[in-house]
C-alpha atoms as a PDB file:
ATOM      1  CA  MET A   1       0.976  -2.525 -23.796  1.00  0.00           C
ATOM      2  CA  TYR A   2      -1.312  -1.968 -20.777  1.00  0.00           C
ATOM      3  CA  LYS A   3      -2.182  -5.733 -20.668  1.00  0.00           C
ATOM      4  CA  GLN A   4       1.219  -6.995 -20.751  1.00  0.00           C
ATOM      5  CA  ALA A   5       2.087  -4.317 -17.943  1.00  0.00           C
ATOM      6  CA  ARG A   6      -0.834  -5.739 -15.664  1.00  0.00           C
ATOM      7  CA  LYS A   7       0.181  -9.090 -16.111  1.00  0.00           C
ATOM      8  CA  GLY A   8       3.769  -8.134 -14.992  1.00  0.00           C
ATOM      9  CA  VAL A   9       2.034  -6.863 -12.004  1.00  0.00           C
ATOM     10  CA  GLN A  10      -0.032  -9.675 -11.330  1.00  0.00           C
ATOM     11  CA  GLN A  11       3.064 -12.216 -11.875  1.00  0.00           C
ATOM     12  CA  LEU A  12       4.965 -10.095  -9.393  1.00  0.00           C
ATOM     13  CA  ILE A  13       2.361 -10.358  -6.859  1.00  0.00           C
ATOM     14  CA  LYS A  14       2.185 -14.256  -7.785  1.00  0.00           C
ATOM     15  CA  ALA A  15       5.879 -14.681  -7.154  1.00  0.00           C
ATOM     16  CA  ASN A  16       5.319 -13.758  -3.444  1.00  0.00           C
ATOM     17  CA  LYS A  17       1.946 -13.341  -2.529  1.00  0.00           C
ATOM     18  CA  SER A  18       0.022 -12.658   0.619  1.00  0.00           C
ATOM     19  CA  LYS A  19      -3.673 -12.669   1.685  1.00  0.00           C
ATOM     20  CA  VAL A  20      -4.401 -10.064   4.101  1.00  0.00           C
ATOM     21  CA  PHE A  21      -7.759  -9.096   5.616  1.00  0.00           C
ATOM     22  CA  ILE A  22      -7.856  -5.380   5.423  1.00  0.00           C
ATOM     23  CA  GLU A  23     -10.240  -3.150   7.531  1.00  0.00           C
ATOM     24  CA  SER A  24     -11.067  -0.154   5.774  1.00  0.00           C
ATOM     25  CA  THR A  25     -13.517   3.056   6.286  1.00  0.00           C
ATOM     26  CA  SER A  26     -12.656   4.334   2.868  1.00  0.00           C
ATOM     27  CA  ASP A  27     -15.788   3.206   1.315  1.00  0.00           C
ATOM     28  CA  SER A  28     -17.621   6.171   2.967  1.00  0.00           C
ATOM     29  CA  MET A  29     -15.828   9.482   1.571  1.00  0.00           C
ATOM     30  CA  ILE A  30     -16.236  13.114   2.817  1.00  0.00           C
ATOM     31  CA  GLU A  31     -15.153  16.449   1.025  1.00  0.00           C
ATOM     32  CA  ASP A  32     -12.437  18.004   3.120  1.00  0.00           C
ATOM     33  CA  ALA A  33     -11.995  21.733   3.391  1.00  0.00           C
ATOM     34  CA  TYR A  34      -9.785  21.904   0.431  1.00  0.00           C
ATOM     35  CA  GLY A  35     -12.328  20.210  -1.988  1.00  0.00           C
ATOM     36  CA  GLN A  36     -10.674  16.897  -1.837  1.00  0.00           C
ATOM     37  CA  MET A  37     -12.248  13.654  -1.282  1.00  0.00           C
ATOM     38  CA  ILE A  38     -10.970  11.663   1.717  1.00  0.00           C
ATOM     39  CA  PRO A  39     -11.902   8.713   4.056  1.00  0.00           C
ATOM     40  CA  ASP A  40     -14.752   9.290   6.555  1.00  0.00           C
ATOM     41  CA  LEU A  41     -12.835   8.062   9.621  1.00  0.00           C
ATOM     42  CA  SER A  42     -15.954   8.124  11.724  1.00  0.00           C
ATOM     43  CA  GLY A  43     -17.653   5.853   9.205  1.00  0.00           C
ATOM     44  CA  VAL A  44     -18.329   2.111   9.510  1.00  0.00           C
ATOM     45  CA  LYS A  45     -15.354  -0.260   9.045  1.00  0.00           C
ATOM     46  CA  VAL A  46     -15.679  -2.739   6.146  1.00  0.00           C
ATOM     47  CA  GLY A  47     -13.411  -5.522   5.915  1.00  0.00           C
ATOM     48  CA  ARG A  48     -12.321  -7.546   3.019  1.00  0.00           C
ATOM     49  CA  THR A  49      -9.693 -10.085   2.001  1.00  0.00           C
ATOM     50  CA  ILE A  50      -7.057  -9.034  -0.890  1.00  0.00           C
ATOM     51  CA  THR A  51      -4.141 -10.526  -2.386  1.00  0.00           C
ATOM     52  CA  CYS A  52      -1.170  -8.486  -2.533  1.00  0.00           C
ATOM     53  CA  ARG A  53       2.722  -8.657  -2.349  1.00  0.00           C
ATOM     54  CA  ILE A  54       4.291  -7.210   0.756  1.00  0.00           C
ATOM     55  CA  SER A  55       7.911  -6.550   0.536  1.00  0.00           C
ATOM     56  CA  TYR A  56      10.985  -4.347   1.636  1.00  0.00           C
ATOM     57  CA  LEU A  57      12.282  -1.794  -0.456  1.00  0.00           C
ATOM     58  CA  ASN A  58      15.727  -0.167   0.385  1.00  0.00           C
ATOM     59  CA  ALA A  59      14.758   3.525   1.260  1.00  0.00           C
ATOM     60  CA  ASN A  60      17.930   5.144   0.190  1.00  0.00           C
ATOM     61  CA  THR A  61      21.990   4.831   1.354  1.00  0.00           C
ATOM     62  CA  ASN A  62      21.572   7.797   3.382  1.00  0.00           C
ATOM     63  CA  GLY A  63      18.977   6.116   5.567  1.00  0.00           C
ATOM     64  CA  LEU A  64      21.705   4.252   7.596  1.00  0.00           C
ATOM     65  CA  ILE A  65      20.903   3.586  11.169  1.00  0.00           C
ATOM     66  CA  THR A  66      23.091   2.583  14.077  1.00  0.00           C
ATOM     67  CA  ALA A  67      22.950  -1.195  14.994  1.00  0.00           C
ATOM     68  CA  PRO A  68      24.687  -3.029  17.705  1.00  0.00           C
ATOM     69  CA  THR A  69      26.789  -4.659  14.727  1.00  0.00           C
ATOM     70  CA  GLY A  70      27.649  -1.384  13.246  1.00  0.00           C
ATOM     71  CA  TYR A  71      25.366   0.535  10.604  1.00  0.00           C
ATOM     72  CA  SER A  72      22.165  -1.077   9.009  1.00  0.00           C
ATOM     73  CA  THR A  73      20.089  -0.030   6.056  1.00  0.00           C
ATOM     74  CA  ASP A  74      16.838   1.376   7.182  1.00  0.00           C
ATOM     75  CA  PHE A  75      14.134  -0.718   4.972  1.00  0.00           C
ATOM     76  CA  VAL A  76      10.700   0.534   4.164  1.00  0.00           C
ATOM     77  CA  LYS A  77       8.069  -2.106   4.124  1.00  0.00           C
ATOM     78  CA  ILE A  78       5.513  -1.874   1.064  1.00  0.00           C
ATOM     79  CA  ILE A  79       2.493  -3.227  -0.306  1.00  0.00           C
ATOM     80  CA  ASN A  80       1.718  -3.884  -3.962  1.00  0.00           C
ATOM     81  CA  THR A  81      -1.800  -4.674  -5.499  1.00  0.00           C
ATOM     82  CA  ASP A  82      -2.881  -5.124  -9.044  1.00  0.00           C
ATOM     83  CA  TYR A  83      -5.021  -2.703 -11.105  1.00  0.00           C
ATOM     84  CA  LYS A  84      -8.428  -4.255  -9.792  1.00  0.00           C
ATOM     85  CA  THR A  85      -7.455  -3.951  -6.148  1.00  0.00           C
ATOM     86  CA  PRO A  86      -7.409  -0.382  -4.783  1.00  0.00           C
ATOM     87  CA  ILE A  87      -6.024   0.256  -1.491  1.00  0.00           C
ATOM     88  CA  TYR A  88      -6.736   3.429   0.566  1.00  0.00           C
ATOM     89  CA  LYS A  89      -4.548   5.390   2.916  1.00  0.00           C
ATOM     90  CA  GLY A  90      -5.525   4.506   6.390  1.00  0.00           C
ATOM     91  CA  ASP A  91      -6.490   0.918   5.550  1.00  0.00           C
ATOM     92  CA  ARG A  92      -5.288  -1.298   8.530  1.00  0.00           C
ATOM     93  CA  PHE A  93      -4.282  -5.036   8.791  1.00  0.00           C
ATOM     94  CA  ASP A  94      -2.510  -7.137  11.382  1.00  0.00           C
ATOM     95  CA  ASP A  95      -0.020  -4.351  13.091  1.00  0.00           C
ATOM     96  CA  TYR A  96       0.185  -1.961   9.821  1.00  0.00           C
ATOM     97  CA  GLU A  97      -1.353   0.751   8.341  1.00  0.00           C
ATOM     98  CA  VAL A  98      -1.286   1.767   4.745  1.00  0.00           C
ATOM     99  CA  GLY A  99       0.412   5.241   4.175  1.00  0.00           C
ATOM    100  CA  PRO A 100       0.122   7.451   1.217  1.00  0.00           C
ATOM    101  CA  VAL A 101      -1.037   5.185  -1.818  1.00  0.00           C
ATOM    102  CA  TYR A 102       0.732   5.716  -5.152  1.00  0.00           C
ATOM    103  CA  GLU A 103      -0.964   4.649  -8.589  1.00  0.00           C
ATOM    104  CA  GLN A 104       1.287   2.766 -10.826  1.00  0.00           C
ATOM    105  CA  THR A 105       0.576   4.131 -14.319  1.00  0.00           C
ATOM    106  CA  ILE A 106       1.850   3.657 -17.911  1.00  0.00           C
ATOM    107  CA  GLN A 107       0.797   6.320 -20.142  1.00  0.00           C
ATOM    108  CA  GLY A 108      -2.404   7.188 -17.970  1.00  0.00           C
ATOM    109  CA  HIS A 109      -3.539   4.021 -17.274  1.00  0.00           C
ATOM    110  CA  ILE A 110      -3.370   2.222 -13.921  1.00  0.00           C
ATOM    111  CA  ILE A 111      -1.619  -0.984 -13.817  1.00  0.00           C
ATOM    112  CA  GLY A 112      -1.425  -1.404 -10.053  1.00  0.00           C
ATOM    113  CA  TYR A 113      -1.291   0.447  -6.739  1.00  0.00           C
ATOM    114  CA  GLN A 114       1.820   0.878  -4.362  1.00  0.00           C
ATOM    115  CA  ALA A 115       2.006   2.321  -0.759  1.00  0.00           C
ATOM    116  CA  GLU A 116       4.367   2.343   2.292  1.00  0.00           C
ATOM    117  CA  LEU A 117       3.376   0.318   5.194  1.00  0.00           C
ATOM    118  CA  LYS A 118       3.803   1.750   8.674  1.00  0.00           C
ATOM    119  CA  GLU A 119       3.188   0.370  12.096  1.00  0.00           C
ATOM    120  CA  ALA A 120      -0.331   1.185  13.361  1.00  0.00           C
ATOM    121  CA  ASN A 121      -1.149   3.199  16.224  1.00  0.00           C
ATOM    122  CA  VAL A 122      -3.503   1.593  18.413  1.00  0.00           C
END
């Protein structure tokens, strides 16, 4: 069951794959004031190339924004990776920064990762 689910995620990525070079400081972790491990932002940046899927996800129908032609739906850009390719909040590539990362799980087994992308502040 898990193998089929993981293959499903891999097929989804292959259908519309992107290769991106991610800069991450997540390889060095420190403990925050609440006992959680978080990326050390003062650490050395590490780069790696990953294969992922970048797509749009309709945020919701209440997210309508005004546009010159009337109303437009506010779309959210997301990144999906398989279970072997973890991504971390704060990872950067091109003009994007990875937001909170959610594990895609089936009965407690990780089959992939998904996160919202936002434009990175320089």
